[in-house]
PDB file of N, CA and C in Angstrom:
ATOM      1  N   MET A   1       0.876  -1.173   0.205  1.00  0.00           N
ATOM      2  CA  MET A   1      -0.160   0.191  -0.210  1.00  0.00           C
ATOM      3  C   MET A   1       0.773   1.363  -0.312  1.00  0.00           C
ATOM      4  N   ILE A   2       0.723   1.960  -1.134  1.00  0.00           N
ATOM      5  CA  ILE A   2       1.302   3.296  -1.187  1.00  0.00           C
ATOM      6  C   ILE A   2       0.791   4.812  -1.005  1.00  0.00           C
ATOM      7  N   GLY A   3       0.803   5.352   0.254  1.00  0.00           N
ATOM      8  CA  GLY A   3      -0.260   6.699   0.069  1.00  0.00           C
ATOM      9  C   GLY A   3      -1.341   6.199   0.260  1.00  0.00           C
ATOM     10  N   GLY A   4      -1.923   5.116   1.079  1.00  0.00           N
ATOM     11  CA  GLY A   4      -3.232   4.960   0.831  1.00  0.00           C
ATOM     12  C   GLY A   4      -4.009   4.297  -0.381  1.00  0.00           C
ATOM     13  N   ILE A   5      -2.901   3.891  -1.287  1.00  0.00           N
ATOM     14  CA  ILE A   5      -3.304   3.317  -2.562  1.00  0.00           C
ATOM     15  C   ILE A   5      -3.073   1.854  -2.812  1.00  0.00           C
ATOM     16  N   SER A   6      -3.857   0.879  -3.139  1.00  0.00           N
ATOM     17  CA  SER A   6      -3.799  -0.732  -3.011  1.00  0.00           C
ATOM     18  C   SER A   6      -3.130  -0.811  -4.182  1.00  0.00           C
ATOM     19  N   VAL A   7      -2.580  -2.153  -4.078  1.00  0.00           N
ATOM     20  CA  VAL A   7      -2.054  -3.001  -5.242  1.00  0.00           C
ATOM     21  C   VAL A   7      -3.188  -3.087  -6.315  1.00  0.00           C
ATOM     22  N   THR A   8      -4.574  -3.437  -5.947  1.00  0.00           N
ATOM     23  CA  THR A   8      -5.128  -3.735  -7.391  1.00  0.00           C
ATOM     24  C   THR A   8      -5.666  -2.283  -7.438  1.00  0.00           C
ATOM     25  N   GLN A   9      -5.599  -1.090  -7.019  1.00  0.00           N
ATOM     26  CA  GLN A   9      -6.350  -0.114  -7.816  1.00  0.00           C
ATOM     27  C   GLN A   9      -4.981   0.513  -8.488  1.00  0.00           C
ATOM     28  N   LEU A  10      -3.670   0.015  -8.112  1.00  0.00           N
ATOM     29  CA  LEU A  10      -2.774   0.451  -9.016  1.00  0.00           C
ATOM     30  C   LEU A  10      -2.537  -0.347 -10.185  1.00  0.00           C
ATOM     31  N   LEU A  11      -3.063  -1.335 -10.391  1.00  0.00           N
ATOM     32  CA  LEU A  11      -3.116  -2.203 -11.607  1.00  0.00           C
ATOM     33  C   LEU A  11      -4.200  -1.530 -12.378  1.00  0.00           C
ATOM     34  N   ILE A  12      -5.444  -1.633 -11.832  1.00  0.00           N
ATOM     35  CA  ILE A  12      -6.769  -0.964 -12.341  1.00  0.00           C
ATOM     36  C   ILE A  12      -6.136   0.094 -13.123  1.00  0.00           C
ATOM     37  N   LEU A  13      -5.277   1.262 -12.651  1.00  0.00           N
ATOM     38  CA  LEU A  13      -5.010   2.355 -13.029  1.00  0.00           C
ATOM     39  C   LEU A  13      -4.047   2.031 -14.281  1.00  0.00           C
ATOM     40  N   LEU A  14      -3.173   1.293 -14.212  1.00  0.00           N
ATOM     41  CA  LEU A  14      -2.304   0.813 -15.183  1.00  0.00           C
ATOM     42  C   LEU A  14      -2.911   0.394 -16.228  1.00  0.00           C
ATOM     43  N   VAL A  15      -3.933  -0.873 -16.498  1.00  0.00           N
ATOM     44  CA  VAL A  15      -4.631  -0.656 -17.553  1.00  0.00           C
ATOM     45  C   VAL A  15      -5.414   0.199 -18.064  1.00  0.00           C
ATOM     46  N   ILE A  16      -6.068   1.002 -17.490  1.00  0.00           N
ATOM     47  CA  ILE A  16      -6.619   1.939 -18.014  1.00  0.00           C
ATOM     48  C   ILE A  16      -5.773   3.038 -19.012  1.00  0.00           C
ATOM     49  N   VAL A  17      -4.548   3.076 -18.222  1.00  0.00           N
ATOM     50  CA  VAL A  17      -3.599   4.081 -18.777  1.00  0.00           C
ATOM     51  C   VAL A  17      -3.261   3.118 -20.187  1.00  0.00           C
ATOM     52  N   MET A  18      -2.995   2.042 -20.050  1.00  0.00           N
ATOM     53  CA  MET A  18      -2.280   0.931 -21.221  1.00  0.00           C
ATOM     54  C   MET A  18      -3.407   1.366 -22.300  1.00  0.00           C
ATOM     55  N   LEU A  19      -4.861   1.284 -21.744  1.00  0.00           N
ATOM     56  CA  LEU A  19      -5.856   1.316 -22.982  1.00  0.00           C
ATOM     57  C   LEU A  19      -6.028   2.640 -23.557  1.00  0.00           C
ATOM     58  N   VAL A  20      -5.547   3.760 -22.614  1.00  0.00           N
ATOM     59  CA  VAL A  20      -6.043   5.172 -23.523  1.00  0.00           C
ATOM     60  C   VAL A  20      -4.553   5.498 -24.172  1.00  0.00           C
ATOM     61  N   PHE A  21      -3.229   5.179 -23.482  1.00  0.00           N
ATOM     62  CA  PHE A  21      -2.082   5.466 -24.598  1.00  0.00           C
ATOM     63  C   PHE A  21      -1.847   4.544 -25.558  1.00  0.00           C
ATOM     64  N   GLY A  22      -1.982   3.328 -25.109  1.00  0.00           N
ATOM     65  CA  GLY A  22      -1.483   2.109 -25.740  1.00  0.00           C
ATOM     66  C   GLY A  22       0.097   2.181 -25.384  1.00  0.00           C
ATOM     67  N   THR A  23       0.719   0.648 -25.572  1.00  0.00           N
ATOM     68  CA  THR A  23       1.554   0.368 -24.917  1.00  0.00           C
ATOM     69  C   THR A  23       2.795   0.738 -25.767  1.00  0.00           C
ATOM     70  N   LYS A  24       2.625   1.039 -27.355  1.00  0.00           N
ATOM     71  CA  LYS A  24       3.784   1.736 -28.007  1.00  0.00           C
ATOM     72  C   LYS A  24       4.247   2.966 -27.547  1.00  0.00           C
ATOM     73  N   ARG A  25       2.907   4.142 -27.352  1.00  0.00           N
ATOM     74  CA  ARG A  25       3.184   5.376 -26.914  1.00  0.00           C
ATOM     75  C   ARG A  25       3.909   5.143 -25.708  1.00  0.00           C
ATOM     76  N   LEU A  26       3.222   4.426 -24.710  1.00  0.00           N
ATOM     77  CA  LEU A  26       4.180   4.508 -23.296  1.00  0.00           C
ATOM     78  C   LEU A  26       5.455   4.092 -23.012  1.00  0.00           C
ATOM     79  N   ARG A  27       6.032   3.195 -24.153  1.00  0.00           N
ATOM     80  CA  ARG A  27       7.140   2.749 -24.156  1.00  0.00           C
ATOM     81  C   ARG A  27       8.205   3.965 -24.738  1.00  0.00           C
ATOM     82  N   ASN A  28       7.526   4.703 -25.886  1.00  0.00           N
ATOM     83  CA  ASN A  28       8.231   5.962 -26.330  1.00  0.00           C
ATOM     84  C   ASN A  28       8.553   6.859 -25.317  1.00  0.00           C
ATOM     85  N   ILE A  29       7.452   7.245 -24.624  1.00  0.00           N
ATOM     86  CA  ILE A  29       7.250   8.323 -23.565  1.00  0.00           C
ATOM     87  C   ILE A  29       8.342   8.047 -22.311  1.00  0.00           C
ATOM     88  N   GLY A  30       8.331   6.276 -22.195  1.00  0.00           N
ATOM     89  CA  GLY A  30       9.583   6.063 -21.367  1.00  0.00           C
ATOM     90  C   GLY A  30      10.737   6.175 -21.208  1.00  0.00           C
ATOM     91  N   SER A  31      11.037   5.950 -22.520  1.00  0.00           N
ATOM     92  CA  SER A  31      12.485   6.004 -23.323  1.00  0.00           C
ATOM     93  C   SER A  31      12.787   7.388 -23.560  1.00  0.00           C
ATOM     94  N   ASP A  32      11.823   8.315 -23.863  1.00  0.00           N
ATOM     95  CA  ASP A  32      12.105   9.901 -23.874  1.00  0.00           C
ATOM     96  C   ASP A  32      12.135  10.345 -22.608  1.00  0.00           C
ATOM     97  N   LEU A  33      11.461   9.614 -21.429  1.00  0.00           N
ATOM     98  CA  LEU A  33      11.784  10.494 -20.094  1.00  0.00           C
ATOM     99  C   LEU A  33      13.112  10.059 -19.675  1.00  0.00           C
ATOM    100  N   GLY A  34      13.516   8.884 -19.737  1.00  0.00           N
ATOM    101  CA  GLY A  34      14.714   8.112 -19.274  1.00  0.00           C
ATOM    102  C   GLY A  34      15.856   9.093 -20.018  1.00  0.00           C
ATOM    103  N   SER A  35      15.579   9.401 -21.551  1.00  0.00           N
ATOM    104  CA  SER A  35      17.114  10.059 -21.817  1.00  0.00           C
ATOM    105  C   SER A  35      16.764  11.530 -21.610  1.00  0.00           C
ATOM    106  N   ALA A  36      16.013  12.020 -21.255  1.00  0.00           N
ATOM    107  CA  ALA A  36      16.061  13.613 -20.466  1.00  0.00           C
ATOM    108  C   ALA A  36      16.417  13.599 -19.445  1.00  0.00           C
ATOM    109  N   VAL A  37      16.262  12.634 -18.228  1.00  0.00           N
ATOM    110  CA  VAL A  37      16.651  12.560 -17.053  1.00  0.00           C
ATOM    111  C   VAL A  37      18.569  12.485 -17.179  1.00  0.00           C
ATOM    112  N   LYS A  38      18.728  11.269 -17.781  1.00  0.00           N
ATOM    113  CA  LYS A  38      19.799  10.974 -18.473  1.00  0.00           C
ATOM    114  C   LYS A  38      20.891  12.189 -18.680  1.00  0.00           C
ATOM    115  N   GLY A  39      20.519  12.848 -19.585  1.00  0.00           N
ATOM    116  CA  GLY A  39      20.895  14.343 -20.263  1.00  0.00           C
ATOM    117  C   GLY A  39      21.338  15.243 -19.183  1.00  0.00           C
ATOM    118  N   PHE A  40      20.211  15.161 -18.454  1.00  0.00           N
ATOM    119  CA  PHE A  40      20.083  16.470 -17.191  1.00  0.00           C
ATOM    120  C   PHE A  40      21.329  15.738 -16.516  1.00  0.00           C
ATOM    121  N   ARG A  41      21.109  14.681 -15.725  1.00  0.00           N
ATOM    122  CA  ARG A  41      22.475  14.195 -15.038  1.00  0.00           C
ATOM    123  C   ARG A  41      23.946  14.599 -15.501  1.00  0.00           C
ATOM    124  N   LYS A  42      24.115  14.292 -17.155  1.00  0.00           N
ATOM    125  CA  LYS A  42      25.335  14.722 -17.553  1.00  0.00           C
ATOM    126  C   LYS A  42      25.245  16.156 -17.613  1.00  0.00           C
ATOM    127  N   GLY A  43      24.485  17.006 -17.893  1.00  0.00           N
ATOM    128  CA  GLY A  43      24.774  18.324 -17.860  1.00  0.00           C
ATOM    129  C   GLY A  43      25.232  18.964 -16.380  1.00  0.00           C
ATOM    130  N   ILE A  44      24.735  18.491 -15.704  1.00  0.00           N
ATOM    131  CA  ILE A  44      24.969  18.816 -14.317  1.00  0.00           C
ATOM    132  C   ILE A  44      26.110  18.757 -14.048  1.00  0.00           C
ATOM    133  N   GLU A  45      26.809  17.170 -13.933  1.00  0.00           N
ATOM    134  CA  GLU A  45      28.089  16.672 -13.845  1.00  0.00           C
ATOM    135  C   GLU A  45      29.094  17.444 -14.948  1.00  0.00           C
ATOM    136  N   ASP A  46      28.889  17.850 -15.976  1.00  0.00           N
ATOM    137  CA  ASP A  46      29.708  18.294 -16.787  1.00  0.00           C
ATOM    138  C   ASP A  46      29.915  19.844 -16.686  1.00  0.00           C
ATOM    139  N   GLU A  47      29.085  20.266 -15.921  1.00  0.00           N
ATOM    140  CA  GLU A  47      29.112  21.918 -15.655  1.00  0.00           C
ATOM    141  C   GLU A  47      30.150  22.440 -15.151  1.00  0.00           C
ATOM    142  N   PRO A  48      31.157  22.972 -16.094  1.00  0.00           N
ATOM    143  CA  PRO A  48      32.163  23.520 -14.901  1.00  0.00           C
ATOM    144  C   PRO A  48      31.968  24.523 -13.661  1.00  0.00           C
ATOM    145  N   GLU A  49      33.037  24.293 -12.751  1.00  0.00           N
ATOM    146  CA  GLU A  49      32.933  25.145 -11.478  1.00  0.00           C
ATOM    147  C   GLU A  49      33.469  26.959 -11.900  1.00  0.00           C
ATOM    148  N   GLU A  50      33.225  27.379 -11.060  1.00  0.00           N
ATOM    149  CA  GLU A  50      33.485  28.762 -10.846  1.00  0.00           C
ATOM    150  C   GLU A  50      35.125  28.609 -11.790  1.00  0.00           C
ATOM    151  N   GLN A  51      35.219  29.815 -12.705  1.00  0.00           N
ATOM    152  CA  GLN A  51      36.830  29.837 -13.461  1.00  0.00           C
ATOM    153  C   GLN A  51      37.449  30.556 -12.841  1.00  0.00           C
ATOM    154  N   GLU A  52      38.882  30.029 -12.912  1.00  0.00           N
ATOM    155  CA  GLU A  52      39.901  30.520 -11.940  1.00  0.00           C
ATOM    156  C   GLU A  52      40.042  32.225 -12.562  1.00  0.00           C
ATOM    157  N   PRO A  53      40.410  33.070 -11.907  1.00  0.00           N
ATOM    158  CA  PRO A  53      40.863  34.421 -12.703  1.00  0.00           C
ATOM    159  C   PRO A  53      41.941  34.373 -13.839  1.00  0.00           C
ATOM    160  N   GLY A  54      42.678  33.687 -13.545  1.00  0.00           N
ATOM    161  CA  GLY A  54      44.052  33.492 -14.500  1.00  0.00           C
ATOM    162  C   GLY A  54      43.351  32.923 -16.010  1.00  0.00           C
ATOM    163  N   LYS A  55      42.366  31.963 -15.782  1.00  0.00           N
ATOM    164  CA  LYS A  55      41.888  31.301 -17.114  1.00  0.00           C
ATOM    165  C   LYS A  55      40.568  31.889 -17.638  1.00  0.00           C
ATOM    166  N   ILE A  56      40.813  33.032 -18.149  1.00  0.00           N
ATOM    167  CA  ILE A  56      39.522  33.810 -18.739  1.00  0.00           C
ATOM    168  C   ILE A  56      39.878  33.582 -20.228  1.00  0.00           C
ATOM    169  N   THR A  57      38.314  32.819 -21.103  1.00  0.00           N
ATOM    170  CA  THR A  57      38.784  32.796 -22.330  1.00  0.00           C
ATOM    171  C   THR A  57      38.973  33.907 -23.192  1.00  0.00           C
ATOM    172  N   ASN A  58      39.005  33.935 -24.511  1.00  0.00           N
ATOM    173  CA  ASN A  58      39.258  35.084 -25.713  1.00  0.00           C
ATOM    174  C   ASN A  58      37.544  35.255 -25.728  1.00  0.00           C
ATOM    175  N   ALA A  59      36.491  34.483 -25.775  1.00  0.00           N
ATOM    176  CA  ALA A  59      35.493  35.138 -25.786  1.00  0.00           C
ATOM    177  C   ALA A  59      35.009  35.959 -24.809  1.00  0.00           C
ATOM    178  N   GLU A  60      35.469  35.683 -23.565  1.00  0.00           N
ATOM    179  CA  GLU A  60      35.248  36.504 -22.302  1.00  0.00           C
ATOM    180  C   GLU A  60      36.128  37.817 -22.585  1.00  0.00           C
ATOM    181  N   LYS A  61      37.097  37.893 -23.079  1.00  0.00           N
ATOM    182  CA  LYS A  61      37.846  39.184 -23.198  1.00  0.00           C
ATOM    183  C   LYS A  61      37.221  39.870 -24.273  1.00  0.00           C
ATOM    184  N   THR A  62      36.922  39.384 -25.272  1.00  0.00           N
ATOM    185  CA  THR A  62      36.158  40.231 -26.113  1.00  0.00           C
ATOM    186  C   THR A  62      34.862  40.891 -25.693  1.00  0.00           C
ATOM    187  N   ALA A  63      34.113  40.272 -24.726  1.00  0.00           N
ATOM    188  CA  ALA A  63      32.792  40.496 -24.518  1.00  0.00           C
ATOM    189  C   ALA A  63      33.136  41.789 -23.551  1.00  0.00           C
ATOM    190  N   GLU A  64      34.219  41.424 -22.688  1.00  0.00           N
ATOM    191  CA  GLU A  64      34.831  42.975 -21.704  1.00  0.00           C
ATOM    192  C   GLU A  64      34.993  43.901 -22.337  1.00  0.00           C
ATOM    193  N   ALA A  65      35.950  43.865 -23.586  1.00  0.00           N
ATOM    194  CA  ALA A  65      36.587  44.936 -24.150  1.00  0.00           C
ATOM    195  C   ALA A  65      35.855  46.071 -24.313  1.00  0.00           C
ATOM    196  N   PRO A  66      34.500  46.095 -25.097  1.00  0.00           N
ATOM    197  CA  PRO A  66      33.692  47.134 -25.368  1.00  0.00           C
ATOM    198  C   PRO A  66      33.255  47.750 -24.411  1.00  0.00           C
ATOM    199  N   LEU A  67      32.688  47.091 -22.996  1.00  0.00           N
ATOM    200  CA  LEU A  67      32.403  47.622 -21.592  1.00  0.00           C
ATOM    201  C   LEU A  67      33.578  48.758 -21.076  1.00  0.00           C
ATOM    202  N   LYS A  68      34.776  48.193 -21.010  1.00  0.00           N
ATOM    203  CA  LYS A  68      35.593  48.780 -20.561  1.00  0.00           C
ATOM    204  C   LYS A  68      35.577  50.504 -21.355  1.00  0.00           C
ATOM    205  N   LYS A  69      35.714  50.172 -22.507  1.00  0.00           N
ATOM    206  CA  LYS A  69      35.985  51.434 -23.408  1.00  0.00           C
ATOM    207  C   LYS A  69      34.988  52.527 -23.128  1.00  0.00           C
ATOM    208  N   GLU A  70      33.411  51.778 -23.009  1.00  0.00           N
ATOM    209  CA  GLU A  70      32.270  52.606 -22.837  1.00  0.00           C
ATOM    210  C   GLU A  70      32.350  53.419 -21.059  1.00  0.00           C
ATOM    211  N   GLU A  71      33.056  52.458 -20.325  1.00  0.00           N
ATOM    212  CA  GLU A  71      33.552  53.017 -18.982  1.00  0.00           C
ATOM    213  C   GLU A  71      34.304  54.440 -19.151  1.00  0.00           C
ATOM    214  N   LYS A  72      35.450  54.196 -19.467  1.00  0.00           N
ATOM    215  CA  LYS A  72      36.369  55.144 -19.881  1.00  0.00           C
ATOM    216  C   LYS A  72      35.427  56.547 -20.466  1.00  0.00           C
ATOM    217  N   SER A  73      34.998  56.442 -21.423  1.00  0.00           N
ATOM    218  CA  SER A  73      34.529  57.037 -22.209  1.00  0.00           C
ATOM    219  C   SER A  73      33.501  58.020 -21.708  1.00  0.00           C
ATOM    220  N   THR A  74      32.811  57.189 -20.857  1.00  0.00           N
ATOM    221  CA  THR A  74      31.445  58.124 -20.260  1.00  0.00           C
ATOM    222  C   THR A  74      32.159  58.935 -18.534  1.00  0.00           C
ATOM    223  N   ALA A  75      33.438  58.028 -18.122  1.00  0.00           N
ATOM    224  CA  ALA A  75      33.866  58.926 -16.990  1.00  0.00           C
ATOM    225  C   ALA A  75      34.469  59.904 -17.390  1.00  0.00           C
ATOM    226  N   SER A  76      35.249  59.884 -18.580  1.00  0.00           N
ATOM    227  CA  SER A  76      35.760  61.531 -18.969  1.00  0.00           C
ATOM    228  C   SER A  76      34.784  62.500 -19.766  1.00  0.00           C
ATOM    229  N   LYS A  77      33.549  62.125 -19.871  1.00  0.00           N
ATOM    230  CA  LYS A  77      32.774  63.224 -20.252  1.00  0.00           C
ATOM    231  C   LYS A  77      31.978  63.928 -19.322  1.00  0.00           C
ATOM    232  N   PRO A  78      32.432  65.033 -18.962  1.00  0.00           N
ATOM    233  CA  PRO A  78      31.027  65.770 -18.102  1.00  0.00           C
ATOM    234  C   PRO A  78      29.679  65.535 -18.212  1.00  0.00           C
ATOM    235  N   SER A  79      28.885  65.337 -17.372  1.00  0.00           N
ATOM    236  CA  SER A  79      27.498  65.237 -17.690  1.00  0.00           C
ATOM    237  C   SER A  79      26.848  66.762 -17.450  1.00  0.00           C
ATOM    238  N   ASP A  80      25.519  66.960 -17.855  1.00  0.00           N
ATOM    239  CA  ASP A  80      24.759  67.922 -17.812  1.00  0.00           C
ATOM    240  C   ASP A  80      24.920  68.520 -16.091  1.00  0.00           C
ATOM    241  N   THR A  81      24.586  67.261 -15.100  1.00  0.00           N
ATOM    242  CA  THR A  81      24.531  67.816 -13.885  1.00  0.00           C
ATOM    243  C   THR A  81      25.956  68.289 -12.923  1.00  0.00           C
ATOM    244  N   ASP A  82      27.124  67.860 -13.689  1.00  0.00           N
ATOM    245  CA  ASP A  82      28.302  68.249 -13.205  1.00  0.00           C
ATOM    246  C   ASP A  82      28.913  69.551 -13.701  1.00  0.00           C
ATOM    247  N   VAL A  83      28.167  70.242 -14.662  1.00  0.00           N
ATOM    248  CA  VAL A  83      28.433  71.813 -15.259  1.00  0.00           C
ATOM    249  C   VAL A  83      27.774  72.952 -14.384  1.00  0.00           C
TER     250      VAL A  83
END
């Protein structure tokens, strides 16, 4: 008995689900769900930890370069409120 549901009730529910969806579709749903969970677990395990400051990639360098130029240009220009 699981949470107030007996074995006979589970079997009846299983038969109804098989009649509604069919065995082929249930098999496809099960395999798709299993591969999704497997991919999710693999993605979590492969996710890199925080990168060390010395290991900055070229993509990160190029993404930060325009921001630094904008910061310098806005800092050197006086705004209307400064005048």
